[in-house]
Each structure stands twice: as structure tokens, then as C-alpha cells.
Amino acid sequence: MFEPFPTNYVWNLSINLALEMGGSVGEIDSANRATAQAATAGDKGVDAFFDTWLAMAARVKDMADADYAAGHLESAAAKYRRACAYLITAERMQASDYPPRQQAYADMLSTFARYVECSGEPCEMVEIPYAGSHYPALFCSAATQDNPTPPCMVFCNGLDSVKEMVFLVGLPAALRARGISCLVVDQPGVGGALRRNKLPAIVETEVWAGRAVDWLETRKDVASDRIGMMGWSLGGYYAPRAAAFEKRFKLCVAWGANHEWGLVQQRRRRNEGENPVPHYWAHVMWVWGQQRLDDFMTMSERITLTGVVEHIDVPFLIVHGENDRQIPVEYAYRSHDQAMRSPRADLKVFTAREGGVEHCSADNMEPVRSYIADWIHDRFAEMI
């Protein structure tokens, strides 16, 4: 993994994600140089990180606006994409109760919408009804005249990503190139579901995942008998749990084997392993709707796939990096070993030769993204 800040894994992870979303090396290097000293202060340096990346996003967006005003939509799209990536990078690193974070999120949404408008990417902003409210999603259709009803994957976020990040790192495009649509959701606990609609994460992920299937079944451009479920990071818990108990899913992918997330919280409380974001404990309590750390720790004991993956009876792929510093690789083997009812349970651990060895392949997503997309394509093809 590219590590410009030798003592700060959290910041390094963000830098790698920004690159994967399409950030410019030169612009990112400039931001890194401006925040090098602040990086040594841990969470106390996050304000400098936030301000630097917001300023960079604003500068790039100003140039995009000028291109847009001149009618140069392709040029504008390239800049709006980078500005959006930088806004995502800034926003996810601040504390949940930091007031400027709300504006950064709103700016990110409007910048992403302008990127989609200028690029012509097949991406619909949609809402999935849930619990008397809704959660937002991006529907990326692969339908064509020759393939009017392609299969579709539901992709859920992890603990701290947003649907726009998933889009920018190229997963929907990789699926679309293989004739597969994708519904990327900000499920309860992340993105707009949490920030705008105050919907916390729940243990029983099959509930909100089932609402996504309900929505897809209303689409005339989706093969409702070929819908799959996948997720990355904490989505490596969410997706298998959903596929185990929502029987309309026909396959499942865990990008990062979060088999025992509750136990990982105990490890982190002992300062073992790396955290994904600053202000970690405040963040997880926000995500799960908890007010006290002890209550969160008690609740987290239920966030396990032991006794769950045994109910998965569809093809199941687990991918993991051998150098994942957040989630022990042993959990990948545990998920694989316990998936006894799956007709095809595949495990792929990525090594240094291939790349993609860090958490959710932050060091190099292409090999893992391509492997996953090929696996999904092949499994759906077997269902025809």
C-alpha cells in the first residue's frame, strides 16, 4: 500500500482510496505535503486534513464549473469526478458531529450528480422504501437491446464508505462490461440513510436487503430470478447475512471476510489491529445508533456469521487480502469452512504477486474487482 504517512494507517488508507476513485497523483501529493506534520498528531490532525482536501476539491470543482459553462462536458466530467473523490475523502475522515461535515456531504452529492450529468454514465439516483422512510441508492443498468433484462447485483457499503465511492472505484462499470446491472445502496448505517434519514445499522441485514429485492422486482429491465448480493468491508458481514436469510438472492460475494465483527471490536478495544477512520468509537456508535460504548460492545456480540453462513444455499465467494490489517485473514477461512450448504463456496486470498493484499484491496483494486466480476458473470451464466 502507498504509505506517505509512515505512522498513520488511517490517513494512508484514505489516500489509497482517493487514488482508486480516480484522484490525481499530483494533486494528492500536494495535499499530502501540506498535511505531513498534522499526520503525526493522529485524530488531532484531522481538521487540517479536512480543510486541505476541501480546498483542493473546491479548486478542482471551480475548474469543472468553467468547463461546464463553456459547454465542454467531457472536460467538466473529468474534473467533477476528481472533486467528488476529494470531497468523499475529506468528509469520511471527520467526526460525525462536526458541523462542516454536513455541508461537505451535500457538496459531494451535488458534485457527483453533475459528474453523472456530464459523463452520461448510466446511473439513476433512486430511493428504496424502508421502515416508513427510505434509503438512497444508485441503479446502474446494463440493459441493452440485445440483453433487455440482465441480472443484477445489490452492492452494500461497509462501515464508512458511501455509494458514490463504490461507483467511482469502478465496480458497477466492471459488472456492466459483463452484462450485469448493479444497485449500489446506502443501506441503514451509512451514507444518506444515516446522514439524511437517521437510519442506523441493524444486525438483521436481510430486512433492508429484502426491500432492495422488492424494488428490483418492479423493474422491467432486471431478471428478477437472477439477483445477487455483495458487499465490502463490514459489507462482508451484511451481504452473507442477507443471502443466508433472504432466499431470493441467487449468489453472494463477501469482499473482505467480516466473519466475527463483534470480536474485532474487542480486539480494537485492546488496541489490536488498525482502525478504518479517525474518531473510531464515536463513529461506530453513530453507525449503530448507540449512546454508550458498553451498550455498543454488548450489541456487537450479535454481529457474527457463526451460525449464519451455514444457511447460505447459493454460490458464495469470499475474497480477502493476505495483509489485511483490519480483519484477520483467518476469518476468510472460517466463513469458507462454515458455508457447508452452499453448492459452490469459493475462497480467494490475494497475495503480493497479484496485488489487492490490504483491506478491501485498497492497495490495488483492479485484480480483485476483475476477479469478482468474472466470478459473478460465470455464476449467472450457469443459471441460464
Protein backbone atom coordinates (compact mmCIF):
# COMPACT_ATOMS: atom_id res chain seq x y z
CA MET A 1 0.00 0.00 0.00
CA PHE A 2 1.17 3.53 -0.79
CA GLU A 3 2.09 4.93 2.64
CA PRO A 4 3.08 8.61 2.51
CA PHE A 5 2.43 8.88 6.26
CA PRO A 6 4.59 6.17 7.89
CA THR A 7 2.92 6.44 11.31
CA ASN A 8 -0.71 6.88 10.25
CA TYR A 9 -2.50 3.88 8.71
CA VAL A 10 -5.90 5.63 8.74
CA TRP A 11 -4.63 8.51 6.59
CA ASN A 12 -2.75 6.15 4.28
CA LEU A 13 -5.92 4.13 3.73
CA SER A 14 -7.77 7.30 2.73
CA ILE A 15 -5.03 8.29 0.30
CA ASN A 16 -5.18 4.89 -1.39
CA LEU A 17 -8.96 5.06 -1.66
CA ALA A 18 -8.71 8.53 -3.20
CA LEU A 19 -6.34 7.18 -5.83
CA GLU A 20 -8.65 4.26 -6.57
CA MET A 21 -11.55 6.71 -7.03
CA GLY A 22 -9.59 8.46 -9.77
CA GLY A 23 -7.71 11.16 -7.88
CA SER A 24 -4.69 12.83 -9.47
CA VAL A 25 -1.30 11.80 -8.10
CA GLY A 26 -0.03 15.37 -8.39
CA GLU A 27 -2.98 16.90 -6.57
CA ILE A 28 -2.87 14.25 -3.86
CA ASP A 29 0.87 14.70 -3.41
CA SER A 30 0.32 18.40 -2.89
CA ALA A 31 -2.31 17.69 -0.21
CA ASN A 32 -0.01 15.16 1.46
CA ARG A 33 2.83 17.66 1.67
CA ALA A 34 0.51 20.27 3.20
CA THR A 35 -0.66 17.87 5.91
CA ALA A 36 2.53 15.90 6.61
CA GLN A 37 3.07 17.43 10.04
CA ALA A 38 -0.59 17.10 11.04
CA ALA A 39 -0.49 13.38 10.19
CA THR A 40 1.80 12.76 13.15
CA ALA A 41 -0.88 14.06 15.55
CA GLY A 42 -3.39 11.27 14.89
CA ASP A 43 -7.04 12.27 15.33
CA LYS A 44 -5.96 15.74 16.46
CA GLY A 45 -4.67 16.45 12.96
CA VAL A 46 -7.90 15.61 11.15
CA ASP A 47 -9.05 19.24 10.93
CA ALA A 48 -6.01 20.06 8.79
CA PHE A 49 -6.69 17.04 6.59
CA PHE A 50 -10.36 18.01 6.19
CA ASP A 51 -9.62 21.64 5.34
CA THR A 52 -6.85 20.78 2.86
CA TRP A 53 -8.92 18.26 0.94
CA LEU A 54 -11.98 20.52 0.90
CA ALA A 55 -9.89 23.33 -0.55
CA MET A 56 -8.49 21.02 -3.22
CA ALA A 57 -11.99 19.81 -4.09
CA ALA A 58 -13.25 23.39 -4.36
CA ARG A 59 -10.39 24.37 -6.67
CA VAL A 60 -10.99 21.41 -8.99
CA LYS A 61 -14.76 21.97 -8.93
CA ASP A 62 -14.27 25.63 -9.91
CA MET A 63 -12.36 24.47 -12.98
CA ALA A 64 -15.11 21.95 -13.74
CA ASP A 65 -17.73 24.68 -13.50
CA ALA A 66 -15.77 26.76 -16.01
CA ASP A 67 -15.62 23.81 -18.42
CA TYR A 68 -19.34 23.24 -17.95
CA ALA A 69 -20.16 26.88 -18.65
CA ALA A 70 -18.12 26.66 -21.86
CA GLY A 71 -20.03 23.57 -22.96
CA HIS A 72 -17.01 21.28 -22.60
CA LEU A 73 -18.87 18.48 -20.84
CA GLU A 74 -16.23 15.78 -21.18
CA SER A 75 -13.62 18.01 -19.58
CA ALA A 76 -16.06 19.04 -16.88
CA ALA A 77 -16.90 15.42 -16.12
CA ALA A 78 -13.27 14.52 -15.51
CA LYS A 79 -12.88 17.35 -13.03
CA TYR A 80 -16.21 16.81 -11.28
CA ARG A 81 -15.19 13.18 -10.75
CA ARG A 82 -11.93 14.18 -9.04
CA ALA A 83 -13.63 16.87 -6.98
CA CYS A 84 -16.21 14.32 -5.83
CA ALA A 85 -13.46 11.88 -4.84
CA TYR A 86 -11.74 14.56 -2.79
CA LEU A 87 -14.99 15.53 -1.06
CA ILE A 88 -15.62 11.89 -0.14
CA THR A 89 -12.07 11.67 1.21
CA ALA A 90 -12.48 14.78 3.36
CA GLU A 91 -15.98 14.04 4.64
CA ARG A 92 -15.41 10.44 5.81
CA MET A 93 -12.43 11.47 7.95
CA GLN A 94 -14.21 13.96 10.22
CA ALA A 95 -16.20 13.35 13.40
CA SER A 96 -19.91 12.73 12.84
CA ASP A 97 -20.91 15.81 14.88
CA TYR A 98 -18.52 18.19 13.12
CA PRO A 99 -20.88 20.78 11.53
CA PRO A 100 -18.89 21.46 8.31
CA ARG A 101 -19.10 17.75 7.54
CA GLN A 102 -22.79 18.14 6.68
CA GLN A 103 -22.02 20.75 4.02
CA ALA A 104 -19.19 18.63 2.65
CA TYR A 105 -21.60 15.73 2.20
CA ALA A 106 -24.15 17.94 0.45
CA ASP A 107 -21.44 19.32 -1.85
CA MET A 108 -20.31 15.78 -2.64
CA LEU A 109 -23.83 14.73 -3.67
CA SER A 110 -24.29 17.73 -5.96
CA THR A 111 -20.83 17.28 -7.49
CA PHE A 112 -21.47 13.59 -8.15
CA ALA A 113 -24.80 14.44 -9.78
CA ARG A 114 -23.08 16.96 -12.06
CA TYR A 115 -20.43 14.33 -12.91
CA VAL A 116 -23.12 11.85 -13.95
CA GLU A 117 -24.89 14.53 -15.99
CA CYS A 118 -21.73 15.50 -17.87
CA SER A 119 -20.34 12.00 -18.35
CA GLY A 120 -23.56 10.35 -19.48
CA GLU A 121 -22.83 7.39 -17.21
CA PRO A 122 -25.86 5.05 -16.86
CA CYS A 123 -26.59 5.89 -13.24
CA GLU A 124 -30.00 6.63 -11.70
CA MET A 125 -30.37 8.16 -8.23
CA VAL A 126 -33.21 6.17 -6.64
CA GLU A 127 -34.86 5.61 -3.26
CA ILE A 128 -35.65 2.25 -1.68
CA PRO A 129 -38.68 2.26 0.68
CA TYR A 130 -37.76 1.01 4.15
CA ALA A 131 -39.19 1.25 7.68
CA GLY A 132 -41.56 4.11 6.95
CA SER A 133 -38.70 6.02 5.31
CA HIS A 134 -36.24 5.15 2.57
CA TYR A 135 -32.58 4.72 1.84
CA PRO A 136 -30.85 6.09 -1.28
CA ALA A 137 -29.21 4.00 -3.98
CA LEU A 138 -27.61 4.20 -7.41
CA PHE A 139 -29.04 1.96 -10.10
CA CYS A 140 -26.55 1.25 -12.87
CA SER A 141 -28.28 -0.60 -15.67
CA ALA A 142 -26.55 -2.92 -18.12
CA ALA A 143 -29.70 -3.39 -20.19
CA THR A 144 -29.26 -3.24 -23.96
CA GLN A 145 -31.43 -4.04 -26.96
CA ASP A 146 -29.81 -7.47 -27.16
CA ASN A 147 -29.94 -8.01 -23.38
CA PRO A 148 -33.04 -6.17 -22.12
CA THR A 149 -33.30 -7.97 -18.78
CA PRO A 150 -29.80 -8.58 -17.40
CA PRO A 151 -29.09 -9.98 -13.95
CA CYS A 152 -28.35 -7.53 -11.15
CA MET A 153 -26.11 -7.36 -8.09
CA VAL A 154 -27.03 -5.44 -4.95
CA PHE A 155 -23.85 -3.90 -3.51
CA CYS A 156 -23.84 -2.67 0.08
CA ASN A 157 -21.30 -0.45 1.80
CA GLY A 158 -19.13 -1.17 4.81
CA LEU A 159 -18.74 0.87 7.99
CA ASP A 160 -17.62 4.16 6.46
CA SER A 161 -17.92 4.11 2.66
CA VAL A 162 -20.71 5.65 0.59
CA LYS A 163 -22.40 4.55 -2.61
CA GLU A 164 -20.60 7.21 -4.64
CA MET A 165 -17.24 5.74 -3.60
CA VAL A 166 -18.33 2.31 -4.81
CA PHE A 167 -19.32 3.86 -8.13
CA LEU A 168 -16.06 5.78 -8.57
CA VAL A 169 -13.80 2.79 -7.87
CA GLY A 170 -15.39 1.11 -10.88
CA LEU A 171 -17.34 -1.88 -9.60
CA PRO A 172 -20.60 -1.03 -11.43
CA ALA A 173 -18.64 -0.39 -14.64
CA ALA A 174 -16.85 -3.74 -14.33
CA LEU A 175 -20.18 -5.52 -13.94
CA ARG A 176 -21.82 -3.56 -16.76
CA ALA A 177 -18.98 -4.56 -19.11
CA ARG A 178 -20.00 -8.16 -18.40
CA GLY A 179 -23.72 -7.56 -18.95
CA ILE A 180 -24.71 -7.24 -15.27
CA SER A 181 -26.58 -4.36 -13.67
CA CYS A 182 -25.80 -3.08 -10.18
CA LEU A 183 -27.82 -1.44 -7.41
CA VAL A 184 -25.38 0.28 -5.04
CA VAL A 185 -27.15 1.06 -1.76
CA ASP A 186 -26.54 3.44 1.10
CA GLN A 187 -28.09 0.92 3.46
CA PRO A 188 -29.07 1.81 7.05
CA GLY A 189 -25.94 2.88 8.91
CA VAL A 190 -24.10 4.62 6.04
CA GLY A 191 -24.32 7.46 3.55
CA GLY A 192 -27.61 9.21 3.06
CA ALA A 193 -29.55 6.61 5.06
CA LEU A 194 -27.64 7.65 8.19
CA ARG A 195 -26.75 11.27 7.44
CA ARG A 196 -30.08 12.40 5.99
CA ASN A 197 -32.67 9.89 7.21
CA LYS A 198 -31.16 8.94 10.60
CA LEU A 199 -31.44 5.21 9.88
CA PRO A 200 -28.89 3.22 11.93
CA ALA A 201 -27.40 -0.13 11.03
CA ILE A 202 -29.20 -3.28 12.13
CA VAL A 203 -27.96 -6.80 12.76
CA GLU A 204 -30.73 -8.38 10.65
CA THR A 205 -29.48 -7.15 7.29
CA GLU A 206 -31.89 -9.36 5.37
CA VAL A 207 -34.63 -6.85 6.25
CA TRP A 208 -33.26 -3.88 4.31
CA ALA A 209 -31.73 -6.14 1.66
CA GLY A 210 -35.16 -7.64 1.05
CA ARG A 211 -36.53 -4.17 0.36
CA ALA A 212 -33.88 -3.78 -2.37
CA VAL A 213 -35.08 -7.01 -3.97
CA ASP A 214 -38.68 -5.78 -3.74
CA TRP A 215 -37.65 -2.63 -5.63
CA LEU A 216 -35.72 -4.54 -8.29
CA GLU A 217 -38.68 -6.84 -8.87
CA THR A 218 -40.66 -3.81 -10.05
CA ARG A 219 -38.13 -3.13 -12.82
CA LYS A 220 -38.86 -4.45 -16.29
CA ASP A 221 -35.13 -4.23 -17.13
CA VAL A 222 -33.96 -6.69 -14.44
CA ALA A 223 -34.00 -10.50 -14.45
CA SER A 224 -35.77 -10.93 -11.12
CA ASP A 225 -34.72 -14.59 -10.93
CA ARG A 226 -31.01 -13.62 -11.11
CA ILE A 227 -30.33 -11.13 -8.34
CA GLY A 228 -27.19 -11.42 -6.22
CA MET A 229 -25.92 -9.79 -3.03
CA MET A 230 -22.45 -8.46 -2.29
CA GLY A 231 -20.63 -6.03 -0.02
CA TRP A 232 -17.18 -4.94 1.06
CA SER A 233 -15.56 -4.41 4.46
CA LEU A 234 -18.39 -4.59 7.02
CA GLY A 235 -20.48 -5.48 3.98
CA GLY A 236 -18.60 -8.78 4.29
CA TYR A 237 -20.95 -9.37 7.23
CA TYR A 238 -24.01 -7.61 5.82
CA ALA A 239 -24.10 -9.45 2.47
CA PRO A 240 -23.65 -13.05 3.71
CA ARG A 241 -26.20 -12.45 6.46
CA ALA A 242 -28.66 -11.11 3.87
CA ALA A 243 -28.07 -14.01 1.46
CA ALA A 244 -28.47 -16.54 4.26
CA PHE A 245 -32.00 -15.45 5.15
CA GLU A 246 -33.34 -13.61 2.08
CA LYS A 247 -33.83 -16.55 -0.25
CA ARG A 248 -34.47 -14.51 -3.38
CA PHE A 249 -30.73 -13.86 -3.70
CA LYS A 250 -29.14 -16.33 -6.11
CA LEU A 251 -25.47 -15.78 -5.21
CA CYS A 252 -23.33 -13.88 -2.73
CA VAL A 253 -19.91 -12.20 -2.59
CA ALA A 254 -18.05 -11.05 0.54
CA TRP A 255 -15.26 -8.62 -0.38
CA GLY A 256 -13.46 -8.86 2.95
CA ALA A 257 -14.47 -11.69 5.28
CA ASN A 258 -16.02 -9.90 8.24
CA HIS A 259 -17.00 -13.17 9.88
CA GLU A 260 -16.59 -12.04 13.50
CA TRP A 261 -17.00 -8.27 13.51
CA GLY A 262 -18.02 -8.25 17.16
CA LEU A 263 -14.78 -9.97 18.13
CA VAL A 264 -12.85 -7.46 16.03
CA GLN A 265 -14.33 -4.70 18.23
CA GLN A 266 -12.96 -6.44 21.30
CA ARG A 267 -9.54 -6.59 19.62
CA ARG A 268 -9.71 -2.90 18.75
CA ARG A 269 -10.60 -2.03 22.32
CA ARG A 270 -7.34 -3.75 23.25
CA ASN A 271 -5.58 -1.65 20.56
CA GLU A 272 -5.02 -4.67 18.32
CA GLY A 273 -5.29 -4.15 14.57
CA GLU A 274 -5.93 -0.96 12.62
CA ASN A 275 -8.98 1.33 12.56
CA PRO A 276 -10.54 2.47 9.26
CA VAL A 277 -11.43 6.04 10.31
CA PRO A 278 -10.47 8.60 12.97
CA HIS A 279 -12.76 9.09 15.99
CA TYR A 280 -13.41 5.37 15.70
CA TRP A 281 -15.59 4.64 18.73
CA ALA A 282 -17.78 7.69 18.20
CA HIS A 283 -18.17 6.62 14.59
CA VAL A 284 -19.29 3.05 15.28
CA MET A 285 -21.79 4.18 17.93
CA TRP A 286 -23.21 6.68 15.41
CA VAL A 287 -23.50 3.96 12.76
CA TRP A 288 -25.27 1.54 15.09
CA GLY A 289 -27.41 4.10 16.91
CA GLN A 290 -25.82 3.56 20.33
CA GLN A 291 -25.20 6.19 23.00
CA ARG A 292 -22.83 4.32 25.33
CA LEU A 293 -19.74 2.32 24.42
CA ASP A 294 -20.62 -0.52 26.79
CA ASP A 295 -24.04 -0.85 25.15
CA PHE A 296 -22.41 -0.91 21.73
CA MET A 297 -19.94 -3.59 22.82
CA THR A 298 -22.76 -5.75 24.15
CA MET A 299 -24.75 -5.33 20.94
CA SER A 300 -21.69 -6.07 18.78
CA GLU A 301 -21.54 -9.61 20.14
CA ARG A 302 -24.50 -10.37 17.87
CA ILE A 303 -22.62 -9.26 14.75
CA THR A 304 -21.24 -12.64 13.76
CA LEU A 305 -21.59 -15.03 10.84
CA THR A 306 -21.13 -18.10 13.01
CA GLY A 307 -24.44 -19.91 12.76
CA VAL A 308 -25.35 -17.76 9.76
CA VAL A 309 -23.27 -18.78 6.73
CA GLU A 310 -24.44 -22.35 7.31
CA HIS A 311 -27.78 -21.13 5.89
CA ILE A 312 -26.30 -19.86 2.61
CA ASP A 313 -27.52 -22.29 -0.07
CA VAL A 314 -26.40 -20.39 -3.17
CA PRO A 315 -22.93 -19.91 -4.74
CA PHE A 316 -20.74 -17.93 -2.33
CA LEU A 317 -17.43 -16.18 -2.99
CA ILE A 318 -15.13 -14.86 -0.26
CA VAL A 319 -12.17 -12.66 -1.26
CA HIS A 320 -9.60 -11.36 1.19
CA GLY A 321 -6.16 -9.78 1.19
CA GLU A 322 -3.33 -11.67 2.86
CA ASN A 323 -2.09 -8.46 4.52
CA ASP A 324 -5.46 -7.13 5.71
CA ARG A 325 -4.57 -5.16 8.84
CA GLN A 326 -8.17 -4.64 9.91
CA ILE A 327 -9.81 -8.06 9.53
CA PRO A 328 -7.74 -11.20 10.23
CA VAL A 329 -7.39 -13.46 7.21
CA GLU A 330 -8.36 -16.40 9.42
CA TYR A 331 -11.95 -15.17 9.22
CA ALA A 332 -11.95 -15.79 5.47
CA TYR A 333 -11.16 -19.44 6.08
CA ARG A 334 -13.79 -19.59 8.81
CA SER A 335 -16.53 -18.27 6.50
CA HIS A 336 -15.47 -20.72 3.82
CA ASP A 337 -15.38 -23.71 6.16
CA GLN A 338 -18.78 -22.95 7.64
CA ALA A 339 -20.57 -22.46 4.28
CA MET A 340 -21.46 -26.13 4.19
CA ARG A 341 -24.81 -25.79 2.39
CA SER A 342 -23.53 -23.63 -0.43
CA PRO A 343 -23.35 -25.61 -3.69
CA ARG A 344 -20.17 -23.71 -4.53
CA ALA A 345 -18.24 -21.90 -1.80
CA ASP A 346 -15.08 -20.35 -3.26
CA LEU A 347 -12.29 -18.64 -1.34
CA LYS A 348 -9.66 -16.41 -2.94
CA VAL A 349 -6.89 -14.88 -0.82
CA PHE A 350 -4.93 -12.28 -2.78
CA THR A 351 -1.16 -12.31 -2.46
CA ALA A 352 1.66 -9.85 -3.11
CA ARG A 353 2.19 -11.29 -6.59
CA GLU A 354 -1.37 -10.33 -7.60
CA GLY A 355 -1.90 -7.19 -5.53
CA GLY A 356 -5.00 -6.36 -3.55
CA VAL A 357 -3.48 -7.62 -0.30
CA GLU A 358 -4.72 -4.85 2.00
CA HIS A 359 -8.18 -4.33 3.47
CA CYS A 360 -10.70 -4.50 0.62
CA SER A 361 -7.82 -4.25 -1.85
CA ALA A 362 -7.17 -0.57 -1.11
CA ASP A 363 -3.62 -1.03 -2.41
CA ASN A 364 -4.73 -2.31 -5.84
CA MET A 365 -8.40 -2.92 -6.59
CA GLU A 366 -8.21 -3.94 -10.24
CA PRO A 367 -7.18 -7.59 -9.80
CA VAL A 368 -9.82 -8.16 -7.14
CA ARG A 369 -12.55 -6.17 -8.88
CA SER A 370 -11.92 -8.10 -12.10
CA TYR A 371 -11.84 -11.46 -10.32
CA ILE A 372 -15.13 -10.76 -8.56
CA ALA A 373 -16.84 -9.51 -11.72
CA ASP A 374 -15.69 -12.56 -13.69
CA TRP A 375 -16.89 -14.91 -10.94
CA ILE A 376 -20.31 -13.24 -10.86
CA HIS A 377 -20.57 -13.36 -14.65
CA ASP A 378 -19.73 -17.05 -14.73
CA ARG A 379 -22.18 -17.97 -11.97
CA PHE A 380 -25.06 -16.07 -13.57
CA ALA A 381 -24.21 -17.65 -16.95
CA GLU A 382 -24.63 -21.07 -15.37
CA MET A 383 -28.19 -20.16 -14.38
CA ILE A 384 -29.43 -19.57 -17.94
